[in-house]
Amino acid sequence: MERTDFIKNFALGYELQISAKFLYDGLRDLNCINKYDDIENIFGFLYKTSVGIERLQKIAYILLKNPNQDEYKQIEEEIITHSTVKLQFELAKLTSIQLNAPQIAFLSLLSKFYKSCRYDRFNFDTTLHKERTLFIRFIERNLNKKIVLDEPFVDFVTNKERDFFGRIIKGISEKYYEIIYEQATKLNLYTYEIDSSSKGIKIFFNENERSGLQSQIIDEQIAFKELLIYLINTNDKNPFIKYLKSIKPLNIDPELIQDYLVDILKGEVPQSLIDEIEEIYSDNSIKCNERIEELSCIGNIHCCFDSEEDGSI
């Protein structure tokens, strides 16, 4: 196999899965945005999404240009950019697969963010909240909505906004994946292949047409809730369930459980829960090392529970 084919087939194949990881993590941050003053998660959403889409664009561009060894150095120079708008402009010259107006507008948002917001707070003339301003203006223009930032009446981000972004990102990522699939197939390469454990399965093969990629987060939350309800209520018996029930529960404050689950369903273990557990562990009646050893078996891929009645591991 020639060096360039090795790069296109294997190196870019890994990059495809990395791009999906960035997009998935960006959606996670979007799901964590509660109010429009949440700078941390707005930044995370825009940053990770822009990196994910940029990498997808560069994979598609290299495959479409299909450089040989002598041409590859020139390709390396051509993709030295973080502008998703510029990269889309170049892709549009090479393929009939095109983006629609909202998708192009979103690429423009990402390009502005990447150019002017990534390091803005390090600058002497920083405006402090530039990414929030871009994020809000994009929503106001595209969803015909006026967003309030005046304390204490800061508007909440709703599922309508999350669905809106989910549909746009789904549309963009699917079209770029389509380019990658078609071009790789023409070149007899397998760049498009996705490992079953990769986030690429959730990004590129999401079939929900109504709410786009945001549906993936909703499906995950539903699945977790169902598992939680099952574990609390089940009368089923197997070695693992018997092991779980053999561990004496801590006296966690039941009034705080709903608050804890709000964060856990966003993919975050709340610090308040960690603090409560640490406080309980400080009780001398608890043998912390032994308990942590017991807990280490839960969700551990290296621990196998016997099928025998005693439930040993």
Protein backbone atom coordinates (compact mmCIF):
# COMPACT_ATOMS: atom_id res chain seq x y z
CA MET A 1 0.00 0.00 0.00
CA GLU A 2 1.32 3.44 -0.95
CA ARG A 3 2.01 5.93 1.83
CA THR A 4 -0.80 8.26 0.72
CA ASP A 5 -3.30 5.41 0.64
CA PHE A 6 -2.18 4.39 4.13
CA ILE A 7 -2.90 7.94 5.33
CA LYS A 8 -6.28 8.16 3.61
CA ASN A 9 -7.39 4.71 4.73
CA PHE A 10 -6.08 4.45 8.30
CA ALA A 11 -5.00 7.86 9.57
CA LEU A 12 -8.10 9.61 8.26
CA GLY A 13 -10.22 6.70 9.48
CA TYR A 14 -9.05 7.40 13.01
CA GLU A 15 -9.67 11.10 12.44
CA LEU A 16 -13.25 10.33 11.44
CA GLN A 17 -13.90 8.74 14.82
CA ILE A 18 -12.08 11.55 16.63
CA SER A 19 -14.26 14.11 14.87
CA ALA A 20 -17.37 12.23 16.04
CA LYS A 21 -16.01 12.28 19.59
CA PHE A 22 -15.67 16.08 19.45
CA LEU A 23 -19.20 16.45 18.07
CA TYR A 24 -20.66 14.13 20.68
CA ASP A 25 -18.88 15.95 23.52
CA GLY A 26 -20.10 19.25 22.09
CA LEU A 27 -23.69 17.97 22.24
CA ARG A 28 -23.08 16.94 25.85
CA ASP A 29 -22.03 20.51 26.66
CA LEU A 30 -25.09 21.85 24.83
CA ASN A 31 -27.26 19.64 26.99
CA CYS A 32 -25.58 21.07 30.10
CA ILE A 33 -26.42 24.68 29.19
CA ASN A 34 -29.19 25.65 31.56
CA LYS A 35 -29.32 29.42 31.17
CA TYR A 36 -28.00 31.74 28.53
CA ASP A 37 -25.39 33.12 30.92
CA ASP A 38 -23.60 29.75 31.11
CA ILE A 39 -20.31 30.83 29.52
CA GLU A 40 -18.46 27.62 30.37
CA ASN A 41 -20.79 25.24 28.53
CA ILE A 42 -21.52 27.63 25.65
CA PHE A 43 -17.76 27.84 25.06
CA GLY A 44 -17.41 24.05 25.30
CA PHE A 45 -20.27 23.46 22.87
CA LEU A 46 -18.96 25.87 20.24
CA TYR A 47 -15.32 24.85 20.64
CA LYS A 48 -15.82 21.09 20.44
CA THR A 49 -18.37 21.34 17.64
CA SER A 50 -16.12 23.60 15.57
CA VAL A 51 -13.17 21.21 15.97
CA GLY A 52 -15.32 18.19 15.10
CA ILE A 53 -16.76 19.75 11.95
CA GLU A 54 -13.39 21.16 10.86
CA ARG A 55 -11.82 17.70 11.05
CA LEU A 56 -14.68 16.20 9.05
CA GLN A 57 -14.22 18.86 6.38
CA LYS A 58 -10.49 18.18 6.12
CA ILE A 59 -11.03 14.42 5.79
CA ALA A 60 -13.54 15.02 2.99
CA TYR A 61 -11.24 17.54 1.29
CA ILE A 62 -8.22 15.22 1.25
CA LEU A 63 -10.25 12.32 -0.13
CA LEU A 64 -11.82 14.52 -2.82
CA LYS A 65 -8.43 15.92 -3.88
CA ASN A 66 -6.93 12.42 -3.71
CA PRO A 67 -3.30 13.62 -3.72
CA ASN A 68 -0.38 11.39 -4.62
CA GLN A 69 2.85 11.44 -2.64
CA ASP A 70 4.31 14.41 -4.52
CA GLU A 71 1.11 16.45 -4.06
CA TYR A 72 0.54 15.73 -0.38
CA LYS A 73 2.76 18.53 0.97
CA GLN A 74 0.65 21.02 -0.95
CA ILE A 75 -2.51 19.53 0.58
CA GLU A 76 -1.01 19.94 4.04
CA GLU A 77 -0.59 23.66 3.35
CA GLU A 78 -4.09 24.01 1.92
CA ILE A 79 -5.77 22.68 5.07
CA ILE A 80 -3.89 24.98 7.47
CA THR A 81 -7.03 26.87 8.45
CA HIS A 82 -9.64 26.81 11.20
CA SER A 83 -12.31 28.49 9.09
CA THR A 84 -15.20 26.09 8.59
CA VAL A 85 -16.66 28.58 6.07
CA LYS A 86 -13.49 28.57 3.98
CA LEU A 87 -13.26 24.79 4.07
CA GLN A 88 -16.91 24.47 3.01
CA PHE A 89 -16.26 26.89 0.14
CA GLU A 90 -13.44 24.65 -1.09
CA LEU A 91 -15.53 21.50 -0.68
CA ALA A 92 -18.38 23.04 -2.65
CA LYS A 93 -16.05 23.25 -5.68
CA LEU A 94 -15.37 19.52 -5.54
CA THR A 95 -18.73 17.88 -4.85
CA SER A 96 -22.39 18.16 -5.71
CA ILE A 97 -23.35 17.63 -2.04
CA GLN A 98 -24.22 21.07 -0.68
CA LEU A 99 -25.32 22.55 2.66
CA ASN A 100 -28.50 24.56 3.16
CA ALA A 101 -28.74 28.15 4.46
CA PRO A 102 -29.07 27.38 8.23
CA GLN A 103 -26.14 24.97 8.01
CA ILE A 104 -23.97 27.58 6.27
CA ALA A 105 -25.00 30.15 8.88
CA PHE A 106 -23.94 27.74 11.64
CA LEU A 107 -20.54 27.27 9.98
CA SER A 108 -20.23 31.06 9.96
CA LEU A 109 -20.98 31.13 13.70
CA LEU A 110 -18.30 28.51 14.34
CA SER A 111 -15.74 30.36 12.20
CA LYS A 112 -16.37 33.62 14.05
CA PHE A 113 -16.12 31.85 17.37
CA TYR A 114 -12.89 30.07 16.49
CA LYS A 115 -11.25 33.21 15.14
CA SER A 116 -12.30 35.76 17.75
CA CYS A 117 -13.41 33.95 20.92
CA ARG A 118 -11.02 31.11 21.69
CA TYR A 119 -8.44 33.34 23.35
CA ASP A 120 -10.38 36.58 23.68
CA ARG A 121 -10.23 36.70 27.49
CA PHE A 122 -6.43 36.65 27.32
CA ASN A 123 -6.49 39.91 25.35
CA PHE A 124 -6.20 43.36 26.87
CA ASP A 125 -9.30 44.57 25.00
CA THR A 126 -11.42 41.51 25.84
CA THR A 127 -15.20 41.89 25.72
CA LEU A 128 -15.49 39.07 28.31
CA HIS A 129 -18.60 37.31 26.91
CA LYS A 130 -18.12 37.29 23.15
CA GLU A 131 -19.05 33.62 22.61
CA ARG A 132 -22.28 34.12 24.54
CA THR A 133 -23.14 37.09 22.33
CA LEU A 134 -22.55 35.07 19.14
CA PHE A 135 -24.53 32.13 20.50
CA ILE A 136 -27.51 34.29 21.49
CA ARG A 137 -27.58 36.32 18.29
CA PHE A 138 -27.58 33.16 16.21
CA ILE A 139 -30.60 31.82 18.09
CA GLU A 140 -32.44 35.14 18.01
CA ARG A 141 -31.98 35.48 14.25
CA ASN A 142 -32.83 31.90 13.35
CA LEU A 143 -35.62 31.19 15.84
CA ASN A 144 -37.13 34.68 15.96
CA LYS A 145 -36.71 34.84 19.71
CA LYS A 146 -35.69 37.66 22.05
CA ILE A 147 -33.43 36.41 24.86
CA VAL A 148 -33.30 38.16 28.23
CA LEU A 149 -30.01 38.33 30.16
CA ASP A 150 -31.03 40.76 32.91
CA GLU A 151 -30.59 39.29 36.40
CA PRO A 152 -32.53 37.68 37.98
CA PHE A 153 -34.59 37.02 34.85
CA VAL A 154 -32.01 35.26 32.67
CA ASP A 155 -33.79 33.06 30.13
CA PHE A 156 -33.46 29.29 30.22
CA VAL A 157 -32.26 27.33 27.20
CA THR A 158 -35.13 25.08 26.12
CA ASN A 159 -35.33 21.78 24.27
CA LYS A 160 -36.49 23.74 21.23
CA GLU A 161 -33.08 25.42 20.98
CA ARG A 162 -31.24 22.15 21.66
CA ASP A 163 -33.30 20.37 18.98
CA PHE A 164 -32.54 23.21 16.58
CA PHE A 165 -28.78 22.80 17.00
CA GLY A 166 -29.13 19.00 16.95
CA ARG A 167 -30.84 19.09 13.56
CA ILE A 168 -28.25 21.43 12.09
CA ILE A 169 -25.26 19.44 13.32
CA LYS A 170 -26.89 16.19 12.19
CA GLY A 171 -27.45 17.61 8.71
CA ILE A 172 -23.89 18.90 8.39
CA SER A 173 -22.20 15.78 9.75
CA GLU A 174 -24.32 13.44 7.62
CA LYS A 175 -23.51 15.33 4.43
CA TYR A 176 -19.78 15.33 5.15
CA TYR A 177 -19.93 11.65 6.02
CA GLU A 178 -21.75 11.03 2.74
CA ILE A 179 -18.88 12.72 0.89
CA ILE A 180 -16.34 10.64 2.80
CA TYR A 181 -18.23 7.41 2.17
CA GLU A 182 -18.73 8.03 -1.55
CA GLN A 183 -15.18 9.15 -2.23
CA ALA A 184 -13.55 6.43 -0.15
CA THR A 185 -15.64 3.83 -1.97
CA LYS A 186 -14.50 5.20 -5.32
CA LEU A 187 -10.88 4.94 -4.16
CA ASN A 188 -11.35 1.42 -2.77
CA LEU A 189 -10.60 2.66 0.74
CA TYR A 190 -12.36 1.99 4.04
CA THR A 191 -11.99 5.41 5.63
CA TYR A 192 -15.72 5.49 6.33
CA GLU A 193 -15.73 2.43 8.59
CA ILE A 194 -16.79 3.14 12.18
CA ASP A 195 -15.97 0.97 15.18
CA SER A 196 -19.10 -0.22 16.97
CA SER A 197 -17.86 1.36 20.23
CA SER A 198 -17.11 4.72 18.61
CA LYS A 199 -19.19 7.85 19.10
CA GLY A 200 -19.36 7.84 15.31
CA ILE A 201 -22.20 5.32 15.50
CA LYS A 202 -24.25 7.85 17.47
CA ILE A 203 -23.29 10.79 15.26
CA PHE A 204 -23.33 9.45 11.70
CA PHE A 205 -26.01 6.77 12.02
CA ASN A 206 -28.65 8.61 14.04
CA GLU A 207 -32.01 7.96 12.39
CA ASN A 208 -34.20 10.42 14.29
CA GLU A 209 -35.48 12.94 11.75
CA ARG A 210 -37.46 15.04 14.23
CA SER A 211 -34.86 16.36 16.65
CA GLY A 212 -31.60 15.36 15.05
CA LEU A 213 -28.64 14.54 17.26
CA GLN A 214 -30.29 15.93 20.39
CA SER A 215 -32.44 12.81 20.29
CA GLN A 216 -29.31 10.80 21.07
CA ILE A 217 -28.95 12.58 24.42
CA ILE A 218 -32.67 12.10 25.16
CA ASP A 219 -32.44 8.39 24.32
CA GLU A 220 -29.46 8.01 26.65
CA GLN A 221 -31.33 9.72 29.48
CA ILE A 222 -34.38 7.51 28.98
CA ALA A 223 -32.21 4.39 28.98
CA PHE A 224 -30.49 5.44 32.20
CA LYS A 225 -33.81 6.20 33.90
CA GLU A 226 -35.18 2.81 32.90
CA LEU A 227 -32.09 1.08 34.25
CA LEU A 228 -32.38 3.01 37.51
CA ILE A 229 -36.05 2.07 37.92
CA TYR A 230 -35.26 -1.55 37.16
CA LEU A 231 -32.47 -1.76 39.73
CA ILE A 232 -34.62 -0.19 42.43
CA ASN A 233 -37.67 -2.37 41.81
CA THR A 234 -36.46 -5.66 40.42
CA ASN A 235 -37.05 -9.00 42.06
CA ASP A 236 -34.85 -10.69 39.51
CA LYS A 237 -31.87 -12.53 40.86
CA ASN A 238 -28.49 -13.11 39.33
CA PRO A 239 -24.99 -13.00 40.84
CA PHE A 240 -24.41 -9.34 40.01
CA ILE A 241 -27.76 -8.12 41.38
CA LYS A 242 -27.21 -10.21 44.51
CA TYR A 243 -23.79 -8.61 44.89
CA LEU A 244 -25.25 -5.09 44.57
CA LYS A 245 -27.88 -5.85 47.21
CA SER A 246 -25.28 -7.32 49.53
CA ILE A 247 -23.62 -3.92 49.93
CA LYS A 248 -25.21 -1.91 52.70
CA PRO A 249 -26.47 1.47 51.37
CA LEU A 250 -25.29 4.74 52.85
CA ASN A 251 -27.68 7.19 54.46
CA ILE A 252 -27.76 9.63 51.54
CA ASP A 253 -30.20 12.51 52.00
CA PRO A 254 -33.31 11.46 50.02
CA GLU A 255 -34.38 15.09 49.62
CA LEU A 256 -31.33 15.76 47.44
CA ILE A 257 -31.61 12.76 45.10
CA GLN A 258 -33.66 14.60 42.48
CA ASP A 259 -31.08 17.41 42.41
CA TYR A 260 -28.28 14.88 42.03
CA LEU A 261 -30.04 13.15 39.14
CA VAL A 262 -30.47 16.46 37.28
CA ASP A 263 -26.69 16.71 36.95
CA ILE A 264 -26.05 12.98 36.49
CA LEU A 265 -28.43 12.90 33.53
CA LYS A 266 -26.32 15.64 31.97
CA GLY A 267 -23.26 13.43 32.31
CA GLU A 268 -21.92 15.18 35.39
CA VAL A 269 -21.55 13.80 38.92
CA PRO A 270 -22.41 16.80 41.13
CA GLN A 271 -19.80 17.98 43.61
CA SER A 272 -22.52 18.22 46.25
CA LEU A 273 -23.02 14.43 46.00
CA ILE A 274 -19.28 13.84 46.25
CA ASP A 275 -19.14 16.09 49.32
CA GLU A 276 -22.02 14.22 50.95
CA ILE A 277 -20.35 10.85 50.36
CA GLU A 278 -17.04 12.13 51.73
CA GLU A 279 -18.78 13.39 54.83
CA ILE A 280 -20.44 9.99 55.36
CA TYR A 281 -17.10 8.26 54.78
CA SER A 282 -15.54 10.38 57.52
CA ASP A 283 -17.67 8.48 60.05
CA ASN A 284 -15.36 6.12 61.88
CA SER A 285 -17.94 3.33 61.71
CA ILE A 286 -17.34 2.95 57.95
CA LYS A 287 -14.36 0.94 56.78
CA CYS A 288 -13.62 3.07 53.73
CA ASN A 289 -10.91 0.92 52.15
CA GLU A 290 -13.04 -2.21 52.33
CA ARG A 291 -16.08 -0.41 50.96
CA ILE A 292 -14.14 1.14 48.07
CA GLU A 293 -12.80 -2.32 47.25
CA GLU A 294 -16.37 -3.63 47.14
CA LEU A 295 -17.48 -0.76 44.91
CA SER A 296 -14.54 -1.26 42.54
CA CYS A 297 -16.21 -4.37 41.11
CA ILE A 298 -19.30 -2.47 39.97
CA GLY A 299 -19.06 -1.49 36.32
CA ASN A 300 -15.57 -2.98 36.08
CA ILE A 301 -15.02 -4.82 32.80
CA HIS A 302 -12.40 -7.02 34.46
CA CYS A 303 -14.79 -8.33 37.13
CA CYS A 304 -16.88 -11.35 36.18
CA PHE A 305 -19.66 -12.64 38.42
CA ASP A 306 -20.13 -16.38 38.65
CA SER A 307 -23.41 -17.96 37.67
CA GLU A 308 -23.40 -19.94 40.88
CA GLU A 309 -25.95 -19.32 43.58
CA ASP A 310 -23.46 -17.71 45.95
CA GLY A 311 -22.84 -14.85 43.51
CA SER A 312 -19.06 -14.87 44.04
CA ILE A 313 -16.73 -12.99 41.73
